[in-house]
N, C-alpha and C. Protein backbone atom coordinates (compact mmCIF):
# COMPACT_ATOMS: atom_id res chain seq x y z
N MET A 1 0.84 -1.29 0.17
CA MET A 1 -0.01 -0.01 -0.22
C MET A 1 0.78 1.31 -0.08
N HIS A 2 0.47 2.10 -0.73
CA HIS A 2 1.36 3.71 -0.80
C HIS A 2 0.31 4.69 -0.27
N LEU A 3 1.19 5.84 0.27
CA LEU A 3 0.40 6.78 0.60
C LEU A 3 -0.44 7.65 -0.48
N ILE A 4 -1.40 8.14 -0.18
CA ILE A 4 -2.44 8.71 -0.76
C ILE A 4 -1.74 9.89 -1.80
N LEU A 5 -1.17 10.84 -0.81
CA LEU A 5 -0.60 12.00 -1.95
C LEU A 5 0.54 12.02 -2.58
N THR A 6 1.45 11.10 -2.24
CA THR A 6 2.69 11.03 -2.54
C THR A 6 2.86 9.89 -3.24
N ASP A 7 2.02 8.70 -3.32
CA ASP A 7 2.34 7.29 -3.82
C ASP A 7 3.73 6.71 -3.38
N SER A 8 4.23 7.18 -2.33
CA SER A 8 5.32 6.44 -1.78
C SER A 8 4.94 5.47 -0.69
N ALA A 9 5.98 4.73 -0.21
CA ALA A 9 5.76 3.53 0.58
C ALA A 9 5.78 4.32 2.00
N PRO A 10 4.97 3.68 2.75
CA PRO A 10 4.95 4.33 4.21
C PRO A 10 6.08 3.62 5.11
N ILE A 11 6.42 4.26 6.12
CA ILE A 11 7.38 3.68 7.11
C ILE A 11 6.56 2.28 7.79
N PRO A 12 7.57 1.08 7.93
CA PRO A 12 6.64 -0.01 8.46
C PRO A 12 6.21 0.42 9.74
N TRP A 13 4.96 -0.24 10.02
CA TRP A 13 4.32 0.13 11.19
C TRP A 13 5.13 -0.33 12.46
N PHE A 14 5.81 -1.22 12.44
CA PHE A 14 6.79 -1.63 13.51
C PHE A 14 7.92 -0.58 13.79
N VAL A 15 8.47 0.17 12.90
CA VAL A 15 9.56 1.01 13.12
C VAL A 15 8.58 2.23 13.57
N ALA A 16 7.57 2.72 13.18
CA ALA A 16 6.79 3.83 13.67
C ALA A 16 6.51 3.45 15.05
N GLY A 17 6.01 2.35 15.10
CA GLY A 17 5.42 1.84 16.73
C GLY A 17 6.83 1.79 17.68
N ALA A 18 7.87 1.50 17.25
CA ALA A 18 8.99 1.59 18.11
C ALA A 18 9.35 2.91 18.52
N ALA A 19 9.24 3.72 17.53
CA ALA A 19 9.65 5.18 17.76
C ALA A 19 8.84 5.92 18.45
N ILE A 20 7.26 5.68 18.54
CA ILE A 20 6.35 6.06 19.33
C ILE A 20 6.68 5.75 20.85
N ALA A 21 6.98 4.39 20.78
CA ALA A 21 7.23 3.90 22.30
C ALA A 21 8.58 4.57 22.82
N ALA A 22 9.56 4.75 21.98
CA ALA A 22 10.78 5.43 22.37
C ALA A 22 10.57 6.58 22.93
N VAL A 23 9.71 7.58 22.18
CA VAL A 23 9.36 8.94 22.57
C VAL A 23 8.53 8.73 23.91
N THR A 24 7.77 8.09 24.12
CA THR A 24 6.78 7.75 25.18
C THR A 24 7.57 7.43 26.44
N LEU A 25 8.70 6.48 26.22
CA LEU A 25 9.34 6.12 27.38
C LEU A 25 10.37 7.39 27.89
N VAL A 26 10.88 7.82 26.93
CA VAL A 26 11.75 8.89 27.23
C VAL A 26 10.92 9.91 28.02
N LEU A 27 9.97 10.49 27.48
CA LEU A 27 9.03 11.51 28.10
C LEU A 27 8.76 11.01 29.55
N LEU A 28 8.21 9.81 29.84
CA LEU A 28 7.71 9.29 31.04
C LEU A 28 9.23 9.12 32.00
N TYR A 29 10.39 8.49 31.66
CA TYR A 29 11.44 8.10 32.72
C TYR A 29 12.51 9.01 32.65
N ALA A 30 12.58 9.92 31.60
CA ALA A 30 13.67 11.07 31.74
C ALA A 30 13.01 12.34 32.22
N GLY A 31 11.84 12.65 32.11
CA GLY A 31 11.43 13.90 32.17
C GLY A 31 9.83 13.94 32.97
N ASN A 32 9.61 12.85 33.23
CA ASN A 32 8.11 12.54 34.24
C ASN A 32 7.04 13.42 33.38
N ARG A 33 7.09 13.09 31.88
CA ARG A 33 5.95 13.81 31.31
C ARG A 33 5.01 13.03 30.73
N ARG A 34 3.76 13.34 30.08
CA ARG A 34 2.80 12.64 29.71
C ARG A 34 2.79 12.94 28.37
N LEU A 35 2.88 11.85 27.31
CA LEU A 35 2.62 12.31 25.81
C LEU A 35 1.26 12.64 25.85
N GLY A 36 0.96 13.71 25.00
CA GLY A 36 -0.31 13.98 24.51
C GLY A 36 -0.22 15.38 23.81
N VAL A 37 -0.99 15.29 22.56
CA VAL A 37 -0.82 16.55 21.74
C VAL A 37 -2.00 17.41 21.96
N SER A 38 -3.35 17.11 22.43
CA SER A 38 -4.22 18.00 22.53
C SER A 38 -3.91 19.13 23.67
N THR A 39 -3.06 18.72 24.72
CA THR A 39 -2.72 19.63 25.51
C THR A 39 -1.63 20.69 24.97
N GLY A 40 -0.94 20.36 24.00
CA GLY A 40 -0.41 21.25 23.23
C GLY A 40 -1.02 22.32 22.59
N PHE A 41 -2.26 22.28 22.25
CA PHE A 41 -2.71 23.15 21.84
C PHE A 41 -3.14 24.36 22.80
N GLU A 42 -3.30 23.94 24.02
CA GLU A 42 -3.43 24.72 25.07
C GLU A 42 -2.38 25.46 25.22
N ASN A 43 -1.24 24.80 25.24
CA ASN A 43 0.34 25.56 25.18
C ASN A 43 0.31 26.64 24.27
N VAL A 44 0.16 26.27 22.88
CA VAL A 44 0.02 27.51 21.94
C VAL A 44 -0.79 28.35 22.20
N CYS A 45 -1.94 28.14 22.71
CA CYS A 45 -3.01 29.36 22.92
C CYS A 45 -2.36 30.20 24.33
N SER A 46 -1.63 29.50 25.33
CA SER A 46 -1.51 30.22 26.29
C SER A 46 -0.34 31.40 25.89
N LEU A 47 0.28 31.02 24.59
CA LEU A 47 1.35 32.19 24.22
C LEU A 47 0.57 33.32 23.88
N VAL A 48 -0.62 33.51 23.52
CA VAL A 48 -1.33 34.54 23.04
C VAL A 48 -2.64 35.07 23.82
N VAL A 49 -3.22 34.01 24.68
CA VAL A 49 -4.35 34.37 25.42
C VAL A 49 -4.11 34.47 26.97
N ARG A 50 -4.57 35.27 27.57
CA ARG A 50 -3.96 35.91 28.71
C ARG A 50 -5.11 35.65 29.88
N THR A 51 -5.91 34.44 29.65
CA THR A 51 -6.96 34.26 30.67
C THR A 51 -6.44 33.28 31.79
N PRO A 52 -7.06 33.23 32.94
CA PRO A 52 -6.73 32.23 33.98
C PRO A 52 -6.67 30.97 33.55
N TYR A 53 -7.24 30.42 32.58
CA TYR A 53 -7.36 29.02 32.10
C TYR A 53 -6.08 28.81 31.42
N PHE A 54 -5.55 29.73 30.63
CA PHE A 54 -4.39 29.61 29.88
C PHE A 54 -2.98 29.96 30.54
N THR A 55 -3.04 30.57 31.67
CA THR A 55 -2.01 30.97 32.40
C THR A 55 -1.80 30.12 33.66
N ARG A 56 -2.68 29.15 34.03
CA ARG A 56 -2.44 28.42 35.26
C ARG A 56 -1.04 27.50 34.96
N SER A 57 -0.55 27.14 35.99
CA SER A 57 0.93 26.81 36.08
C SER A 57 0.85 25.40 35.26
N ALA A 58 -0.10 24.64 35.38
CA ALA A 58 -0.09 23.21 34.59
C ALA A 58 -0.02 23.29 33.07
N ILE A 59 -0.45 24.61 32.38
CA ILE A 59 -0.25 24.60 30.92
C ILE A 59 1.07 25.57 30.92
N SER A 60 1.16 26.72 31.39
CA SER A 60 2.51 27.45 31.17
C SER A 60 3.80 26.58 31.52
N GLY A 61 3.69 25.69 32.62
CA GLY A 61 4.81 25.23 33.20
C GLY A 61 5.51 24.06 32.22
N SER A 62 4.50 23.76 31.24
CA SER A 62 4.73 22.64 30.31
C SER A 62 5.42 23.09 29.04
N ASN A 63 5.34 24.52 28.88
CA ASN A 63 5.72 25.32 27.77
C ASN A 63 7.15 24.68 27.10
N SER A 64 7.93 24.86 28.02
CA SER A 64 9.35 24.37 27.65
C SER A 64 9.58 22.96 27.31
N TRP A 65 8.97 22.27 27.44
CA TRP A 65 8.90 20.73 26.70
C TRP A 65 7.93 20.29 25.53
N ARG A 66 6.67 21.05 25.90
CA ARG A 66 5.77 20.51 24.96
C ARG A 66 5.74 21.30 23.62
N LEU A 67 6.11 22.74 23.79
CA LEU A 67 6.13 23.42 22.39
C LEU A 67 7.19 22.76 21.54
N PRO A 68 8.57 22.50 22.03
CA PRO A 68 9.54 21.88 21.22
C PRO A 68 8.99 20.50 20.61
N LEU A 69 8.15 19.95 21.53
CA LEU A 69 7.61 18.53 21.03
C LEU A 69 6.61 18.59 19.82
N LEU A 70 5.67 19.69 19.86
CA LEU A 70 4.93 20.10 18.72
C LEU A 70 5.72 20.53 17.72
N ALA A 71 6.64 21.29 17.75
CA ALA A 71 7.52 21.90 16.73
C ALA A 71 8.01 20.49 16.08
N GLY A 72 8.48 19.67 16.72
CA GLY A 72 9.30 18.49 16.44
C GLY A 72 7.97 17.60 15.36
N LEU A 73 7.07 17.69 15.92
CA LEU A 73 6.11 16.90 15.04
C LEU A 73 5.88 17.47 13.63
N LEU A 74 5.69 18.65 13.80
CA LEU A 74 5.70 19.71 12.52
C LEU A 74 6.79 19.38 11.51
N LEU A 75 7.86 19.73 12.24
CA LEU A 75 8.95 19.24 11.35
C LEU A 75 9.38 18.06 10.95
N GLY A 76 8.95 17.15 11.84
CA GLY A 76 9.00 15.61 11.04
C GLY A 76 7.87 15.52 9.91
N GLY A 77 6.80 15.89 9.93
CA GLY A 77 6.01 15.91 8.85
C GLY A 77 6.45 16.67 7.72
N VAL A 78 7.11 17.47 7.83
CA VAL A 78 7.83 18.33 6.53
C VAL A 78 8.94 17.57 6.03
N ILE A 79 9.69 17.10 6.97
CA ILE A 79 10.79 16.33 6.42
C ILE A 79 10.29 14.95 5.87
N SER A 80 9.29 14.30 6.43
CA SER A 80 8.69 13.23 5.68
C SER A 80 8.31 13.38 4.46
N ALA A 81 7.57 14.58 4.06
CA ALA A 81 6.94 14.88 2.82
C ALA A 81 8.21 15.27 1.94
N LEU A 82 9.14 16.03 2.37
CA LEU A 82 10.25 16.29 1.42
C LEU A 82 11.04 15.08 1.02
N LEU A 83 11.25 14.22 1.81
CA LEU A 83 11.87 12.78 1.56
C LEU A 83 10.90 11.94 0.63
N ALA A 84 9.53 12.20 0.51
CA ALA A 84 8.75 11.51 -0.34
C ALA A 84 8.44 12.12 -1.38
N GLY A 85 9.21 13.30 -1.84
CA GLY A 85 8.90 13.97 -3.09
C GLY A 85 8.26 15.19 -3.11
N GLY A 86 8.21 15.79 -1.64
CA GLY A 86 7.35 16.95 -1.70
C GLY A 86 6.01 16.69 -1.44
N TRP A 87 5.36 18.08 -1.45
CA TRP A 87 3.95 18.03 -1.19
C TRP A 87 3.26 19.24 -1.74
N GLU A 88 1.87 19.19 -2.03
CA GLU A 88 1.23 20.18 -2.63
C GLU A 88 -0.20 20.41 -1.90
N THR A 89 -0.73 21.58 -1.56
CA THR A 89 -2.06 21.74 -1.06
C THR A 89 -3.11 21.18 -2.10
N THR A 90 -4.19 20.75 -1.32
CA THR A 90 -5.19 20.42 -2.31
C THR A 90 -6.65 20.50 -1.57
N TRP A 91 -7.64 20.59 -2.27
CA TRP A 91 -8.94 20.73 -1.96
C TRP A 91 -9.66 19.58 -2.22
N ALA A 92 -8.85 18.51 -2.97
CA ALA A 92 -9.60 17.22 -3.30
C ALA A 92 -9.91 16.60 -1.89
N LEU A 93 -11.00 16.15 -2.03
CA LEU A 93 -11.41 14.99 -0.83
C LEU A 93 -12.02 13.77 -1.42
N GLY A 94 -11.56 13.27 -2.58
CA GLY A 94 -11.82 12.04 -3.09
C GLY A 94 -13.22 11.83 -3.21
N ARG A 95 -13.82 10.74 -2.43
CA ARG A 95 -15.15 10.25 -2.79
C ARG A 95 -16.29 11.30 -2.23
N PHE A 96 -15.73 12.02 -1.21
CA PHE A 96 -16.79 13.01 -0.82
C PHE A 96 -16.94 14.07 -1.81
N ASP A 97 -15.93 14.40 -2.56
CA ASP A 97 -16.16 15.59 -3.73
C ASP A 97 -16.92 14.66 -4.73
N SER A 98 -16.98 13.41 -5.20
CA SER A 98 -17.84 13.04 -5.99
C SER A 98 -19.17 12.61 -5.75
N GLU A 99 -19.39 12.54 -4.45
CA GLU A 99 -20.61 12.29 -3.88
C GLU A 99 -21.44 13.49 -3.71
N PHE A 100 -20.59 14.60 -2.97
CA PHE A 100 -21.48 15.78 -2.76
C PHE A 100 -21.04 16.98 -3.57
N GLY A 101 -19.97 17.12 -4.23
CA GLY A 101 -19.58 18.04 -5.18
C GLY A 101 -19.67 19.42 -4.41
N TRP A 102 -19.27 19.59 -3.16
CA TRP A 102 -19.22 20.86 -2.68
C TRP A 102 -18.28 21.76 -3.12
N GLY A 103 -18.18 22.98 -2.90
CA GLY A 103 -17.21 24.03 -3.29
C GLY A 103 -16.16 24.15 -2.14
N ASN A 104 -15.22 24.93 -2.50
CA ASN A 104 -13.85 24.93 -1.35
C ASN A 104 -14.67 25.60 -0.16
N GLY A 105 -15.35 26.65 0.04
CA GLY A 105 -16.10 27.23 1.08
C GLY A 105 -16.88 26.43 1.95
N ALA A 106 -17.50 25.48 1.16
CA ALA A 106 -18.49 24.37 2.05
C ALA A 106 -17.44 23.31 2.61
N LYS A 107 -16.69 22.95 1.91
CA LYS A 107 -15.49 21.83 2.34
C LYS A 107 -14.78 22.60 3.66
N LEU A 108 -14.43 23.84 3.57
CA LEU A 108 -13.85 24.40 4.56
C LEU A 108 -14.64 24.50 6.19
N ALA A 109 -15.88 24.89 5.64
CA ALA A 109 -16.77 24.73 6.75
C ALA A 109 -17.10 23.36 7.50
N TRP A 110 -17.25 22.38 6.65
CA TRP A 110 -17.22 21.00 7.08
C TRP A 110 -15.85 20.69 7.82
N MET A 111 -14.95 21.04 7.27
CA MET A 111 -13.62 20.61 8.24
C MET A 111 -13.69 21.52 9.50
N PHE A 112 -13.99 22.76 9.47
CA PHE A 112 -14.10 23.25 10.81
C PHE A 112 -15.06 22.87 11.60
N GLY A 113 -16.21 22.38 11.32
CA GLY A 113 -17.28 21.83 11.90
C GLY A 113 -16.67 20.48 12.61
N GLY A 114 -16.03 19.61 11.66
CA GLY A 114 -15.23 18.45 12.24
C GLY A 114 -14.25 18.66 13.31
N GLY A 115 -13.43 19.67 13.05
CA GLY A 115 -12.35 20.18 14.17
C GLY A 115 -12.99 20.57 15.38
N LEU A 116 -14.17 21.50 15.38
CA LEU A 116 -14.95 21.57 16.73
C LEU A 116 -15.17 20.47 17.43
N LEU A 117 -15.84 19.48 16.52
CA LEU A 117 -16.41 18.28 17.38
C LEU A 117 -15.01 17.50 17.97
N ILE A 118 -14.05 17.34 17.16
CA ILE A 118 -13.02 16.85 17.72
C ILE A 118 -12.48 17.19 18.81
N GLY A 119 -12.34 18.74 18.72
CA GLY A 119 -11.80 19.43 19.91
C GLY A 119 -12.90 19.36 21.21
N PHE A 120 -14.09 19.23 21.05
CA PHE A 120 -15.15 18.87 22.14
C PHE A 120 -14.84 17.47 22.72
N GLY A 121 -14.77 16.59 21.63
CA GLY A 121 -14.64 14.95 22.16
C GLY A 121 -13.21 15.11 23.05
N THR A 122 -12.16 15.66 22.54
CA THR A 122 -11.00 15.79 23.33
C THR A 122 -11.09 16.33 24.89
N ARG A 123 -11.70 17.41 24.98
CA ARG A 123 -11.91 17.76 26.04
C ARG A 123 -12.86 17.15 27.14
N LEU A 124 -13.91 16.56 26.48
CA LEU A 124 -14.82 15.70 27.08
C LEU A 124 -13.95 14.53 27.67
N ALA A 125 -13.35 13.79 26.93
CA ALA A 125 -12.33 12.65 27.28
C ALA A 125 -11.40 12.89 28.23
N GLY A 126 -11.01 14.15 28.22
CA GLY A 126 -9.70 14.73 29.07
C GLY A 126 -8.60 14.34 28.51
N GLY A 127 -8.63 14.20 27.13
CA GLY A 127 -7.05 14.04 26.34
C GLY A 127 -7.59 13.46 25.03
N CYS A 128 -6.59 13.48 23.93
CA CYS A 128 -6.67 13.11 22.68
C CYS A 128 -6.44 11.48 22.46
N THR A 129 -6.52 10.88 21.42
CA THR A 129 -6.33 9.78 21.06
C THR A 129 -4.70 9.34 21.30
N SER A 130 -3.88 10.22 21.03
CA SER A 130 -2.52 9.76 21.53
C SER A 130 -2.36 9.63 22.88
N GLY A 131 -2.63 10.66 23.70
CA GLY A 131 -2.63 10.68 25.16
C GLY A 131 -3.10 9.39 25.55
N HIS A 132 -4.38 9.32 25.43
CA HIS A 132 -5.11 7.96 25.89
C HIS A 132 -4.71 6.51 25.42
N GLY A 133 -4.66 6.66 24.07
CA GLY A 133 -4.24 5.35 23.33
C GLY A 133 -2.80 4.85 23.31
N ILE A 134 -1.90 5.87 23.39
CA ILE A 134 -0.60 5.52 23.45
C ILE A 134 -0.07 5.59 24.99
N PHE A 135 -0.21 6.51 25.60
CA PHE A 135 0.25 6.92 26.90
C PHE A 135 -0.56 6.32 28.00
N GLY A 136 -1.95 6.36 27.94
CA GLY A 136 -2.54 5.87 29.09
C GLY A 136 -2.86 4.50 28.92
N LEU A 137 -2.91 3.93 27.83
CA LEU A 137 -3.04 2.50 27.74
C LEU A 137 -1.64 1.61 28.17
N SER A 138 -0.60 2.40 27.93
CA SER A 138 0.63 1.74 28.14
C SER A 138 0.83 1.81 29.83
N ASN A 139 0.18 2.75 30.32
CA ASN A 139 0.29 2.73 31.83
C ASN A 139 -1.07 1.98 32.43
N LEU A 140 -1.57 1.39 31.69
CA LEU A 140 -2.92 0.50 32.17
C LEU A 140 -3.93 1.38 33.03
N GLU A 141 -4.20 2.42 32.63
CA GLU A 141 -5.06 3.51 32.90
C GLU A 141 -6.61 3.18 32.54
N LEU A 142 -7.54 2.87 33.51
CA LEU A 142 -8.79 2.48 32.96
C LEU A 142 -9.63 3.58 32.34
N PRO A 143 -9.50 4.94 32.60
CA PRO A 143 -10.12 5.83 31.99
C PRO A 143 -9.49 6.05 30.41
N SER A 144 -8.21 5.78 30.30
CA SER A 144 -7.63 5.87 28.90
C SER A 144 -8.41 4.63 28.08
N LEU A 145 -8.50 3.40 28.69
CA LEU A 145 -9.21 2.34 28.13
C LEU A 145 -10.50 2.65 27.60
N ILE A 146 -11.11 3.25 28.74
CA ILE A 146 -12.59 3.59 28.49
C ILE A 146 -12.58 4.60 27.08
N SER A 147 -11.60 5.72 27.33
CA SER A 147 -11.80 6.53 25.93
C SER A 147 -11.26 6.12 24.77
N THR A 148 -10.23 5.27 24.75
CA THR A 148 -10.05 4.55 23.43
C THR A 148 -10.81 3.64 22.80
N VAL A 149 -11.34 2.93 23.55
CA VAL A 149 -12.50 2.06 23.13
C VAL A 149 -13.73 2.99 22.60
N SER A 150 -13.95 4.12 23.30
CA SER A 150 -14.97 5.02 22.75
C SER A 150 -14.55 5.60 21.44
N PHE A 151 -13.26 6.20 21.37
CA PHE A 151 -12.92 6.49 20.11
C PHE A 151 -13.02 5.65 18.95
N MET A 152 -12.49 4.45 19.14
CA MET A 152 -12.68 3.44 18.02
C MET A 152 -14.04 3.21 17.74
N ALA A 153 -14.90 3.08 18.91
CA ALA A 153 -16.36 2.60 18.35
C ALA A 153 -17.19 3.94 17.64
N ALA A 154 -16.80 4.85 18.09
CA ALA A 154 -17.35 6.06 17.35
C ALA A 154 -16.95 6.04 15.85
N GLY A 155 -15.34 5.77 15.60
CA GLY A 155 -15.00 5.64 14.42
C GLY A 155 -15.61 4.45 13.58
N VAL A 156 -15.80 3.54 14.10
CA VAL A 156 -16.38 2.28 13.46
C VAL A 156 -17.94 2.45 12.93
N VAL A 157 -18.66 3.45 14.14
CA VAL A 157 -20.03 3.54 13.81
C VAL A 157 -20.15 4.64 12.77
N THR A 158 -19.40 5.76 12.87
CA THR A 158 -19.29 6.67 11.98
C THR A 158 -19.05 6.30 10.38
N THR A 159 -17.91 5.50 10.28
CA THR A 159 -17.54 5.07 8.92
C THR A 159 -18.40 4.36 8.26
N ASN A 160 -19.06 3.30 9.30
CA ASN A 160 -20.20 2.43 8.56
C ASN A 160 -21.55 3.47 8.26
N LEU A 161 -21.82 4.36 8.84
CA LEU A 161 -22.88 5.20 8.75
C LEU A 161 -22.53 6.05 7.54
N ILE A 162 -21.58 6.46 7.30
CA ILE A 162 -21.26 7.29 6.18
C ILE A 162 -21.15 6.52 4.88
N TYR A 163 -20.22 5.34 4.89
CA TYR A 163 -20.11 4.71 3.69
C TYR A 163 -21.09 3.42 3.47
N ARG A 164 -21.98 3.13 4.48
CA ARG A 164 -22.91 2.16 4.08
C ARG A 164 -24.48 2.44 4.05
N VAL A 165 -24.47 3.70 4.81
CA VAL A 165 -25.92 4.20 4.89
C VAL A 165 -26.12 5.54 3.76
N ILE A 166 -25.23 6.37 4.13
CA ILE A 166 -25.37 7.70 3.49
C ILE A 166 -24.95 7.57 1.88
N LEU A 167 -23.58 7.04 1.67
CA LEU A 167 -23.32 6.92 0.41
C LEU A 167 -23.41 5.64 -0.07
């Protein structure tokens, strides 16, 4: 199987899994930190929004390590794309386009709405899929198990609803 946008071969799953495990272990054992990307959004917001929520020590105190982690994620994506032959922005949404034929503005609204729902779910669950699914499960945390099962179940139901019922 090849990547959709660049038609290049993906990194083998076991290499990516080992790298994620290594990052998780280094964060935990070297710095007593929890892996999770959704909290990083709060860190980014804390740089520009000066409300009590974003200036609390739980957020501002982790800027020194979480912001470089987020920058590394972005840089890793750029390097990966460059090694795969580059990238180009596109509004093409594949089957979504062929079924609905929406313009770019409607697609942007659709993606914005999806982002709001993801953000709501992330806050409702107390963390994102990476935080619960990778770090929480590896620490045998029951809330992470419940959250991860909920994320997966919602994905299965949504996919089946869209592709078997709507389309």
